Protein backbone atom coordinates (compact mmCIF):
# COMPACT_ATOMS: atom_id res chain seq x y z
CA MET A 1 69.92 47.59 -48.59
CA THR A 2 67.27 46.16 -50.66
CA ALA A 3 63.96 48.21 -51.66
CA ARG A 4 61.89 45.89 -49.32
CA ALA A 5 64.55 46.58 -46.44
CA GLU A 6 63.93 50.69 -47.41
CA GLN A 7 59.97 50.23 -47.12
CA VAL A 8 60.16 48.63 -43.93
CA LEU A 9 62.58 51.62 -43.09
CA LYS A 10 60.15 53.89 -43.74
CA VAL A 11 57.11 52.34 -42.04
CA LEU A 12 59.25 52.68 -38.94
CA HIS A 13 60.23 56.13 -39.15
CA ALA A 14 56.71 57.04 -39.32
CA LEU A 15 55.90 55.11 -36.99
CA ASP A 16 58.23 56.65 -34.41
CA ARG A 17 57.00 60.23 -35.41
CA ARG A 18 53.24 58.94 -34.42
CA GLU A 19 52.06 59.02 -38.09
CA LEU A 20 51.05 55.82 -37.59
CA LEU A 21 49.60 53.07 -35.06
CA MET A 22 51.31 49.55 -34.53
CA VAL A 23 48.30 47.87 -36.16
CA GLU A 24 48.36 50.14 -38.83
CA ALA A 25 52.17 49.41 -39.66
CA ALA A 26 52.13 45.26 -39.05
CA GLN A 27 49.26 45.25 -41.72
CA LEU A 28 51.04 47.72 -44.18
CA LEU A 29 54.30 45.32 -43.55
CA GLY A 30 52.64 42.54 -43.12
CA ARG A 31 53.70 40.91 -40.13
CA SER A 32 52.92 40.65 -36.44
CA VAL A 33 52.82 43.50 -34.46
CA ARG A 34 55.27 41.40 -32.31
CA GLN A 35 57.85 41.73 -34.82
CA ILE A 36 57.11 45.50 -35.72
CA ARG A 37 58.20 45.75 -31.83
CA ARG A 38 61.17 44.09 -32.30
CA LEU A 39 62.13 45.65 -35.05
CA ARG A 40 61.77 48.87 -33.80
CA THR A 41 64.11 47.72 -30.95
CA ALA A 42 67.02 46.57 -33.27
CA LEU A 43 66.52 49.98 -35.06
CA ARG A 44 66.68 52.05 -32.16
CA ALA A 45 69.66 50.23 -30.52
CA THR A 46 71.82 49.58 -34.12
CA GLY A 47 70.56 51.81 -36.62
CA PRO A 48 69.37 50.48 -40.59
CA THR A 49 71.93 47.92 -40.04
CA ALA A 50 69.03 46.17 -38.32
CA LEU A 51 66.88 45.33 -41.16
CA VAL A 52 70.02 43.66 -43.23
CA HIS A 53 69.92 39.84 -42.58
CA GLY A 54 73.05 38.68 -40.76
CA ASN A 55 73.76 36.18 -43.78
CA ARG A 56 73.85 38.48 -46.19
CA GLY A 57 77.36 38.06 -47.63
CA HIS A 58 78.26 34.85 -46.70
CA PRO A 59 78.15 31.60 -48.32
CA PRO A 60 75.29 29.33 -47.46
CA VAL A 61 75.94 26.16 -45.93
CA ASN A 62 74.51 24.25 -48.13
CA ARG A 63 76.46 25.77 -51.19
CA ILE A 64 78.08 22.80 -53.40
CA ALA A 65 82.19 23.01 -52.55
CA ASP A 66 83.92 24.40 -56.13
CA SER A 67 85.93 21.53 -56.11
CA ILE A 68 82.51 19.35 -57.37
CA ARG A 69 81.78 21.87 -59.26
CA ALA A 70 84.78 21.83 -61.10
CA ARG A 71 84.67 18.01 -61.23
CA VAL A 72 81.14 18.16 -62.96
CA VAL A 73 82.23 20.13 -65.51
CA ARG A 74 85.56 18.40 -66.29
CA LEU A 75 83.13 15.16 -66.76
CA ALA A 76 80.58 16.79 -68.74
CA THR A 77 83.20 18.08 -71.61
CA LYS A 78 85.43 14.95 -70.88
CA ILE A 79 83.77 11.69 -70.25
CA TYR A 80 80.35 12.58 -70.59
CA ILE A 81 80.44 14.92 -73.74
CA GLY A 82 76.87 15.24 -75.05
CA VAL A 83 74.69 13.64 -72.53
CA ASN A 84 71.67 15.75 -71.28
CA ASP A 85 71.36 16.86 -67.78
CA HIS A 86 69.30 14.53 -67.06
CA HIS A 87 71.06 11.85 -68.01
CA LEU A 88 73.98 12.98 -66.54
CA GLN A 89 72.69 13.65 -63.30
CA GLU A 90 71.74 9.78 -63.37
CA LEU A 91 75.23 8.68 -64.57
CA LEU A 92 77.26 10.93 -62.45
CA SER A 93 75.38 9.12 -59.05
CA GLU A 94 75.74 6.24 -60.24
CA ARG A 95 79.43 5.83 -61.84
CA GLU A 96 81.20 8.60 -60.38
CA GLY A 97 79.27 8.41 -56.71
CA LEU A 98 78.34 12.55 -57.03
CA THR A 99 74.76 12.77 -55.34
CA LEU A 100 73.26 16.11 -57.26
CA SER A 101 70.08 16.88 -58.10
CA ARG A 102 68.89 17.65 -61.69
CA PRO A 103 68.77 21.82 -60.82
CA SER A 104 71.70 21.50 -59.55
CA VAL A 105 73.80 19.78 -62.37
CA ARG A 106 72.09 22.37 -64.44
CA ARG A 107 72.96 25.57 -63.16
CA ILE A 108 76.63 24.13 -62.89
CA LEU A 109 77.11 23.70 -66.47
CA ARG A 110 75.06 27.27 -67.58
CA ALA A 111 77.12 28.98 -65.16
CA ALA A 112 80.04 27.61 -66.68
CA GLY A 113 78.96 28.54 -70.15
CA ARG A 114 78.08 24.83 -71.11
CA PRO A 115 74.81 24.69 -73.11
CA SER A 116 72.23 22.10 -73.32
CA PRO A 117 73.55 19.30 -76.20
CA ARG A 118 70.09 18.99 -77.44
CA ARG A 119 68.28 22.36 -78.60
CA ARG A 120 64.61 22.17 -78.93
CA ARG A 121 62.17 23.75 -80.97
CA PRO A 122 59.07 26.15 -79.92
CA PRO A 123 56.54 23.73 -79.69
CA ARG A 124 53.48 23.37 -82.06
CA HIS A 125 49.60 23.27 -81.12
CA ARG A 126 48.72 19.46 -81.38
CA ARG A 127 45.71 17.39 -80.20
CA ARG A 128 47.09 15.46 -77.66
CA ARG A 129 46.06 11.37 -78.40
CA GLU A 130 45.64 9.56 -74.74
CA ARG A 131 47.20 6.19 -74.46
CA MET A 132 45.48 2.87 -75.16
CA PRO A 133 44.01 1.78 -71.67
CA GLN A 134 45.07 -1.72 -72.24
CA ALA A 135 48.43 -3.51 -73.01
CA GLY A 136 48.41 -5.24 -76.21
CA LEU A 137 45.59 -3.18 -77.89
CA LEU A 138 48.00 -1.31 -80.21
CA ILE A 139 51.70 -1.67 -80.67
CA GLN A 140 53.77 1.12 -82.46
CA LEU A 141 56.94 -0.02 -84.79
CA ASP A 142 59.41 1.82 -86.28
CA GLY A 143 63.51 2.07 -87.51
CA SER A 144 65.35 4.93 -86.46
CA THR A 145 68.85 5.15 -88.92
CA HIS A 146 71.69 7.13 -86.55
CA ALA A 147 75.28 7.33 -85.96
CA TRP A 148 74.36 5.05 -83.37
CA LEU A 149 78.38 4.33 -82.86
CA ASP A 150 79.35 7.90 -83.12
CA GLN A 151 83.11 7.25 -85.36
CA ARG A 152 83.52 3.76 -83.85
CA GLY A 153 81.25 1.68 -86.35
CA PRO A 154 79.32 1.59 -89.10
CA ARG A 155 76.05 3.58 -88.98
CA LEU A 156 73.49 1.56 -88.03
CA THR A 157 69.45 1.50 -88.32
CA LEU A 158 67.32 0.77 -84.79
CA ILE A 159 64.26 -1.13 -85.00
CA ALA A 160 62.23 -1.29 -82.37
CA ALA A 161 58.53 -1.98 -80.99
CA MET A 162 57.10 -0.33 -78.39
CA ASP A 163 53.44 -0.92 -76.19
CA ASP A 164 51.33 2.40 -76.83
CA ALA A 165 49.75 1.59 -73.13
CA THR A 166 52.97 0.79 -71.07
CA GLY A 167 55.43 2.71 -73.54
CA GLU A 168 57.51 -0.68 -72.32
CA VAL A 169 60.17 -1.58 -74.99
CA LEU A 170 59.27 -5.16 -75.94
CA ALA A 171 61.68 -5.65 -78.50
CA ALA A 172 64.57 -3.93 -80.29
CA THR A 173 67.80 -5.39 -83.06
CA PHE A 174 70.06 -3.52 -84.98
CA ARG A 175 70.53 -3.95 -88.52
CA ASP A 176 72.28 -2.41 -91.65
CA GLU A 177 69.32 -0.75 -93.03
CA GLU A 178 65.68 -0.36 -92.11
CA ASP A 179 64.63 -3.95 -93.86
CA ALA A 180 62.16 -7.07 -93.36
CA HIS A 181 64.57 -9.37 -91.65
CA GLY A 182 64.80 -6.99 -88.59
CA TYR A 183 60.90 -6.69 -88.18
CA PHE A 184 60.82 -10.10 -88.13
CA GLN A 185 63.00 -10.52 -85.50
CA ILE A 186 61.36 -8.34 -83.00
CA LEU A 187 57.57 -9.55 -84.15
CA HIS A 188 59.48 -12.81 -83.45
CA THR A 189 60.47 -11.80 -80.08
CA LEU A 190 57.44 -9.58 -78.74
CA THR A 191 55.17 -12.88 -79.71
CA GLN A 192 56.88 -15.52 -77.93
CA THR A 193 57.32 -13.19 -74.64
CA LYS A 194 54.20 -11.45 -74.54
CA GLY A 195 51.56 -12.45 -76.32
CA ILE A 196 49.98 -11.56 -79.95
CA PRO A 197 48.83 -7.56 -80.29
CA ILE A 198 45.45 -6.74 -81.68
CA ALA A 199 47.06 -3.58 -84.04
CA ALA A 200 50.08 -2.55 -85.17
CA TYR A 201 50.98 1.06 -85.50
CA SER A 202 53.75 1.95 -88.31
CA ASP A 203 54.49 4.88 -91.31
CA ARG A 204 53.86 4.17 -94.71
CA HIS A 205 57.36 2.53 -95.71
CA GLY A 206 57.30 -0.21 -98.06
CA ILE A 207 58.03 -2.78 -95.83
CA PHE A 208 54.57 -2.39 -94.69
CA HIS A 209 52.25 -1.46 -98.00
CA ARG A 210 53.09 -1.56 -101.55
CA SER A 211 51.15 0.97 -103.45
CA LYS A 212 48.19 -0.22 -105.56
CA THR A 213 49.36 -0.42 -109.35
CA LYS A 214 48.78 -2.84 -112.15
CA GLN A 215 52.32 -3.60 -112.40
CA SER A 216 52.92 -5.08 -108.54
CA LEU A 217 49.32 -6.82 -108.20
CA PRO A 218 48.55 -9.78 -110.00
CA LEU A 219 45.52 -10.57 -111.46
CA ARG A 220 43.57 -12.28 -108.97
CA ALA A 221 44.53 -9.56 -106.46
CA GLN A 222 43.71 -6.69 -109.66
CA LEU A 223 40.26 -8.52 -109.71
CA ALA A 224 39.38 -8.29 -105.58
CA GLY A 225 40.61 -4.78 -105.72
CA GLU A 226 43.31 -5.99 -102.85
CA PRO A 227 46.65 -4.18 -102.69
CA ALA A 228 50.09 -6.15 -102.92
CA SER A 229 51.11 -7.45 -100.01
CA THR A 230 54.78 -7.55 -98.44
CA GLN A 231 56.23 -10.05 -96.18
CA ILE A 232 55.64 -8.13 -93.61
CA ALA A 233 51.67 -7.60 -94.32
CA ARG A 234 51.42 -10.94 -94.85
CA ALA A 235 52.83 -12.13 -91.50
CA LEU A 236 50.36 -9.57 -89.54
CA HIS A 237 47.68 -10.77 -91.76
CA GLU A 238 48.34 -14.46 -90.53
CA LEU A 239 48.70 -13.38 -87.40
CA ARG A 240 45.67 -11.49 -87.41
CA ILE A 241 47.37 -8.08 -86.66
CA GLN A 242 45.51 -5.42 -87.80
CA TRP A 243 48.03 -2.96 -89.61
CA ILE A 244 47.28 0.61 -89.00
CA PRO A 245 49.08 3.47 -90.67
CA ALA A 246 50.23 6.57 -89.68
CA LYS A 247 49.61 9.94 -91.70
CA SER A 248 52.25 11.87 -90.46
CA PRO A 249 55.49 11.36 -87.75
CA GLN A 250 53.60 13.17 -85.41
CA ALA A 251 50.82 10.76 -85.26
CA LYS A 252 53.25 7.70 -83.65
CA GLY A 253 55.26 10.91 -81.25
CA ARG A 254 55.32 7.83 -78.66
CA ILE A 255 58.00 5.95 -81.15
CA GLU A 256 60.01 9.20 -82.64
CA ARG A 257 60.43 10.09 -78.71
CA LEU A 258 61.44 7.19 -78.17
CA PHE A 259 64.16 7.36 -80.40
CA GLY A 260 64.94 10.40 -79.78
CA THR A 261 65.41 9.47 -75.82
CA PHE A 262 67.77 6.43 -76.94
CA GLN A 263 69.69 9.01 -79.39
CA ASP A 264 71.02 10.58 -76.22
CA ARG A 265 71.04 7.47 -73.63
CA LEU A 266 71.52 4.89 -75.47
CA ARG A 267 74.62 5.84 -78.06
CA ALA A 268 76.24 7.58 -74.74
CA GLU A 269 76.18 4.09 -73.09
CA LEU A 270 77.13 2.41 -75.93
CA ARG A 271 80.25 4.60 -75.91
CA LEU A 272 81.14 4.55 -72.62
CA ALA A 273 81.17 0.37 -72.97
CA GLY A 274 83.20 0.94 -75.52
CA VAL A 275 80.84 -0.88 -78.77
CA VAL A 276 82.39 -0.46 -82.23
CA ASP A 277 79.94 -3.15 -84.50
CA ARG A 278 76.50 -4.33 -84.80
CA LYS A 279 76.65 -7.63 -83.08
CA GLY A 280 77.88 -5.77 -79.82
CA ALA A 281 75.32 -3.24 -80.07
CA THR A 282 72.67 -5.49 -80.16
CA ALA A 283 74.06 -7.76 -77.41
CA PHE A 284 74.37 -4.31 -75.48
CA LEU A 285 70.68 -4.24 -75.76
CA ARG A 286 69.44 -6.49 -73.97
CA GLY A 287 70.61 -4.72 -70.04
CA PHE A 288 69.53 -1.20 -71.51
CA LEU A 289 66.30 -2.35 -72.05
CA SER A 290 65.85 -4.08 -69.01
CA ARG A 291 67.06 -0.67 -67.31
CA TYR A 292 64.80 1.71 -69.35
CA ASN A 293 61.68 -0.08 -69.34
CA ALA A 294 62.14 -0.14 -65.28
CA ARG A 295 62.84 3.27 -65.30
CA PHE A 296 60.13 5.03 -67.93
CA ALA A 297 57.57 2.16 -68.50
CA ARG A 298 53.88 2.93 -66.34
CA ARG A 299 51.11 0.76 -65.84
CA PRO A 300 48.38 0.54 -68.03
CA VAL A 301 44.50 1.88 -67.06
CA ASN A 302 43.33 -1.67 -67.14
CA PRO A 303 45.63 -4.16 -65.69
CA ALA A 304 44.44 -6.89 -67.70
CA SER A 305 46.28 -7.96 -70.90
CA ALA A 306 45.22 -7.85 -74.47
CA TYR A 307 47.55 -9.46 -76.21
CA ARG A 308 46.70 -12.91 -77.39
CA PRO A 309 48.37 -16.31 -77.00
CA TRP A 310 50.41 -18.08 -79.47
CA PRO A 311 48.56 -20.55 -80.71
CA ALA A 312 49.27 -24.32 -79.62
CA GLY A 313 51.26 -26.37 -82.59
CA LEU A 314 51.82 -23.61 -85.11
CA ASP A 315 55.51 -22.86 -85.71
CA PRO A 316 56.96 -19.72 -85.88
CA GLN A 317 59.17 -20.57 -88.37
CA THR A 318 56.13 -20.67 -90.62
CA ILE A 319 54.92 -17.32 -90.19
CA PHE A 320 58.28 -15.38 -90.02
CA CYS A 321 59.91 -16.02 -93.14
CA PHE A 322 60.22 -15.42 -96.70
CA LYS A 323 57.51 -16.87 -98.87
CA TYR A 324 57.04 -16.69 -102.83
CA GLN A 325 54.56 -17.78 -105.29
CA ARG A 326 56.57 -18.73 -108.93
CA THR A 327 55.21 -20.94 -111.72
CA VAL A 328 56.49 -24.14 -112.01
CA ASN A 329 57.91 -24.87 -115.14
CA ASN A 330 57.47 -27.97 -117.63
CA ASP A 331 60.72 -29.34 -116.23
CA HIS A 332 59.56 -29.03 -112.62
CA THR A 333 61.75 -26.11 -111.77
CA VAL A 334 60.67 -22.36 -110.91
CA GLY A 335 63.22 -19.37 -110.64
CA LEU A 336 63.96 -17.63 -107.87
CA GLY A 337 66.68 -14.94 -107.13
CA GLY A 338 68.39 -15.71 -110.67
CA GLN A 339 68.95 -19.39 -110.35
CA GLN A 340 66.60 -22.25 -111.12
CA ILE A 341 65.32 -24.52 -108.24
CA GLN A 342 64.57 -28.51 -108.76
CA LEU A 343 61.28 -29.60 -107.35
CA LEU A 344 61.96 -33.05 -106.27
CA PRO A 345 58.87 -36.06 -106.81
CA ALA A 346 56.36 -36.61 -104.16
CA SER A 347 54.67 -40.11 -104.27
CA HIS A 348 51.25 -38.44 -103.00
CA GLU A 349 51.95 -35.40 -105.15
CA ARG A 350 50.39 -35.28 -109.03
CA ASN A 351 52.81 -33.93 -112.19
CA LEU A 352 52.03 -30.12 -111.61
CA CYS A 353 52.83 -29.63 -115.30
CA GLN A 354 50.25 -33.26 -116.67
CA GLY A 355 47.50 -31.35 -118.52
CA ARG A 356 45.14 -32.56 -121.51
CA ARG A 357 46.84 -32.21 -124.45
CA ARG A 358 45.43 -29.95 -126.79
CA GLY A 359 47.35 -30.17 -130.52
CA PRO A 360 50.91 -29.44 -130.99
CA ARG A 361 50.57 -25.94 -130.57
CA ALA A 362 49.08 -26.86 -126.70
CA PRO A 363 49.81 -23.99 -124.02
CA ARG A 364 51.34 -25.54 -121.13
CA ARG A 365 49.39 -25.27 -117.55
CA GLN A 366 50.73 -22.91 -115.03
CA HIS A 367 50.57 -23.92 -111.35
CA ARG A 368 51.62 -21.67 -108.29
CA HIS A 369 53.96 -23.06 -106.00
CA LEU A 370 54.86 -21.70 -102.60
CA LEU A 371 58.75 -21.59 -101.84
CA SER A 372 58.84 -21.56 -97.98
CA GLY A 373 61.61 -24.12 -97.49
CA GLU A 374 64.73 -24.13 -94.85
CA ALA A 375 66.49 -21.85 -97.62
CA HIS A 376 64.03 -19.05 -96.99
CA ARG A 377 63.16 -19.32 -93.32
CA VAL A 378 64.29 -16.17 -91.67
CA PRO A 379 67.44 -16.71 -88.55
CA LEU A 380 65.96 -15.46 -85.61
CA GLY A 381 67.67 -16.54 -83.03
CA ASP A 382 70.93 -14.88 -81.56
CA GLU A 383 72.98 -17.11 -82.51
CA HIS A 384 72.27 -15.95 -86.25
CA LEU A 385 72.70 -12.15 -86.11
CA GLU A 386 75.27 -12.07 -88.48
CA ASP A 387 72.78 -13.29 -91.62
């Protein structure tokens, strides 16, 4: 008999001894007078067992069968090993036909001694930054180097771009390392599908920013007080996208949490799909991102889009390419990558090295030449993923 049943028994005995009125007993037990009469009648007929619920000692009718419990534990330890509870519940429903709630899956695994694969540290007090009210006002860029293919393939880096207002993953690609080529690919994808955003939020990686040193700055930039630009910084500047550097990983916590979710969900689904190389992983991203955005993307406060349309007549290849400045030698050659490139003559161009002679020791004139030809463009299509 429980402590609550013992209290009911004491009150009913006091009622039989006429120490309490019926109304007072009902107030003490929090029940109606009619219920008190029913309990007293049952107590006089069958004794204290009348206060024990009739279902005590019997399994509930809605209890999950032991065979299903054993199957869930077997799948979680064999096929879906390392998958978190929420993702496991979805996979069991989609792939195994087991419709269970997430708390039920969690209780089954904990009762079987299977802890959560992801341990969480105690949260620290931080001030939350609200989402942007409109899609296209701010995008977040970052890369995550991880064992995405476990032991089946090489260690890869996932480069992704997400909208701060909606949480939608705009573009993503797998690379061998976090490089400018990968950022060019995702910037090309999102600008051609969504438009040009207002600002981009990222960390202070050298791909976006170089330190302001005399060695890394040309003379004109030193006099102007400008930092040395990178290929990505140059592309953002040409598209009028404001670059905002984050001062800590927590400042861009939304895309950091995105990678944490992907390390659970995407890695598990890559394993289930049998992906073993970078090309297959990048191809798998198409279907995964569409399902992820349909599941987790949210509506912004302002439904109007802030993305700017791509300028008419502007070739994306002239933006998403590698551009270098070199000095033209007297023989119309420039050095690039340890090689000498010969510049061909053109009727509409003047002699780049022609200058007024000042004597036998007159210094040659130096000209800057911008190299952005086909040999330096970034292959952006899927057929050029193996660069």
